[in-house]
Every structure is written in structure tokens, then in C-alpha cells.
Amino acid sequence: MIIMSTTTLLRDELVHRLMAERQGPCVTLLLPTHRTMPEAGQDHLVLRRLVEQAESRLLETGDKRSMAPWLERLAGLEKGIDHTHNTEGLAIFIGNDLTEVVRLPFPVAERCVVDGTFATREVVRWKLGGVDHHVLVLGTRGARLFHASNDHLLGEVRGAFPMENRHYTTDAVAVSTSRGQVNQLREYHVAVDRALHEAVGANGRVVVACTHEQYPQLVAEAGHKELYIGNLAGSHDHHAPAEVVKQAWTIAYEDQKRRHAADLDLLKRAGAGKHSTSVKDIWSQVREGRGLTLLVERDLRMAARVAGDTMELVDDATAAGVVDDIIDDIIEEQLRKGGDVRILPNGLLSDHGGIALLLRY
């Protein structure tokens, strides 16, 4: 059975699942896709081409019987993906125990990789570097929840949402007093807050699109106040979700800037022996599990030659035996060791060569 997952997954759940060690080959398919017709109608042809490449490479690895789990998952892909919901890119990961399908809000180069680990560069840098958040459209009669990356709408979150306000009533007796009206709204807000926490998790970040009067009431009554990062004021019940997400993006971006400032402040306050900015030192310290928080500029890439416990940076990323981007290896190892990773905008770490590591010890 193919288990499809979309980008409504929590940010780090997907990343850590792809990082997990597993038996057998790991197949990664990356392809640019299209939101609109007629271009989107051709995306299945690109996928078919990549599936054929993957099948061929798998059969170079083992016979049909041993590769059956992978071949079966590949065969089911074309039936399982609805291209009418494509965005700018698609990343597909197939292992012996999973199939993950991730719609990306940016284009990627067409690529098929069959290796001992997944090719996660694009997904990891997006998940950790983009402003991944949710937008709650809250009205008095109901609520809808949307997942967004930067100013792109990724999709509507289903399950507990859309949520109808079951506490809403026009009964004259029930709402005849201000106390009755307040109690009615409080019960609704508590239910929304509870469902929201279940949908986005403890580390979620939510912009609430509602009237400026309703927002402080929601936050005051919420049991998970840390989820709410700002209010897009006004009534948005009848606005296009993509437009609401674009407006909410400015609020999410300001929240991200505050987080970046806090990260840089931690680095500034870290004393001697508590941080590293040398790529060679960081590579060693991350492998030893000493990394607490890794800070990396979004587009930083460095080629290196690795031999056992030594690593040397090189200029030619295409030379034989060279890792074309040691920064990605450092990021993945930091995640495997249970450390945090912050992907920052280009230029914020210019005084540190684009990378820094806060140490556990």
C-alpha cells in the first residue's frame, strides 16, 4: 500500500523521517510541475520518464524479486498522484518501508537518484529555511485552516477543519445578555484552539485572519497561546484563500525576522569555546554530537574531499571523490544527532563565513 503524505506534515516530522536509517536503496524523484493547464497535463509524462529511470537503476542493484517492494511502489505512483493539484515542484521519496510525496512551492531540476540515502537538499532547506506557517480564517460561524510556505498557499488542512461553530445560536434567550454572548464565543474559541493545536503541533506558527475585536478574545481564552503570531484584521470568510495567505505573509515574515534576531543574539552572546565558525571544526563537532544549534545561510554551499576523519575544502565540486556540498552533509548529520538547524537569509552570517555552530559543551 502506498502511503501518501503532503506538506501539511509538521516541518520537522518529514525531515526526520527522511533522515532515518533504512535497509535497501532509497529512491528520490524530483521534477518541476505546473499549477495550471495545459502545462500541468504534461507533468505525468515527466514522472513516467523518471519512474522508468528509477526502475532501470533498481534492477542494476538487484533482481526483480529482491527489488519488488520498490518496483511495486513505483508502479503505483502514477495512479496515486493527482496532477490537477500540482504546485511548482514535486519531490518523491521511496524506501523499502515508505513512500512520501511532497509538493514544493518552488521549481526543482528534473532528477532521479538511487542511493543509500535520500536526496533531501531541496526539501530540507525549504522546510528549515522557508517561513512555514498556517493561516486560521476565523469567523463567528466557523473556521478554516490553511497551510502556507512564505506567501504561497500549500493547501487547506482537513480533519477537524473546516470547523462549524456549534456554539453559535440566534436564540433570543441565549444571547439576550452580554454574559450569554461571551460564554457562547468562549466555548467556540476553546474548541478552535484545541483543534488547532492538534492540527499544527506544539511548534506551529499561526496567523489568525479575523476581526481585531475577536483576536484578543481568542488568545486570552486559548490554552496554546504560543501558537499565535499575529492578526490579519478584518472579515475574510469570503475572500480567496490564496489572497488571504499573501496578506498574512507579511505578519509571518515579521515573526521570522524576530526569530532570526534571537538566533544572532545567542551567537553574539556565546563566549569563547561555546561556538565555532570554521567549517572544518563544525564538521568534526557535529559528527561528535557536540552541536546544539547550527546556523547556516540559505544558499551557502561548499565542496570538500572527505577521507575517514579528515575533511578538506576544495574548489572543484565536480572532481572525482569530491562531495559537491559538504554543508548539506553537515546539516543532515546535525539533524541525525538531534541538534537544531536554523537556515538564515543570505548575508546575516557574513561576519562568520555563512555558518556557525553553538556547542552543547
Foldseek 3Di string as FASTA:
>chain_A
DADEDEVLDALVVVVVVQLDADDDKKKKWKFFADQDPPRLVCVLVLLVVLLVVQVVVVCVVDNCVVCVLVNVNSVCVSVPDDSNLAAGMWMWMDDSPHIYIYHDNHHDHTDIDIGSGYPCLVSNLQSQEWLWAKEWQDDQFWIWIFTDTQLATNGTDDDCPRPGLPLDDPPCVQVVDPVSVLVSLLVSLAVVLVVVCVSHHLPHAYEYEEAPVVVVSSLVSHPRNVNYQYYNHDRCPPPDPSVVSNSCSVSSVVVVVVVVVVVVVVVVPQDPPQKDLDPFVLQLCLLVLFFAEKEFESPDFWKWADDVSGIDTDDDLPDPRIPNGVVVVSVSSNVVSVHHYHHHHPPPCVVRVGIMTGTPD
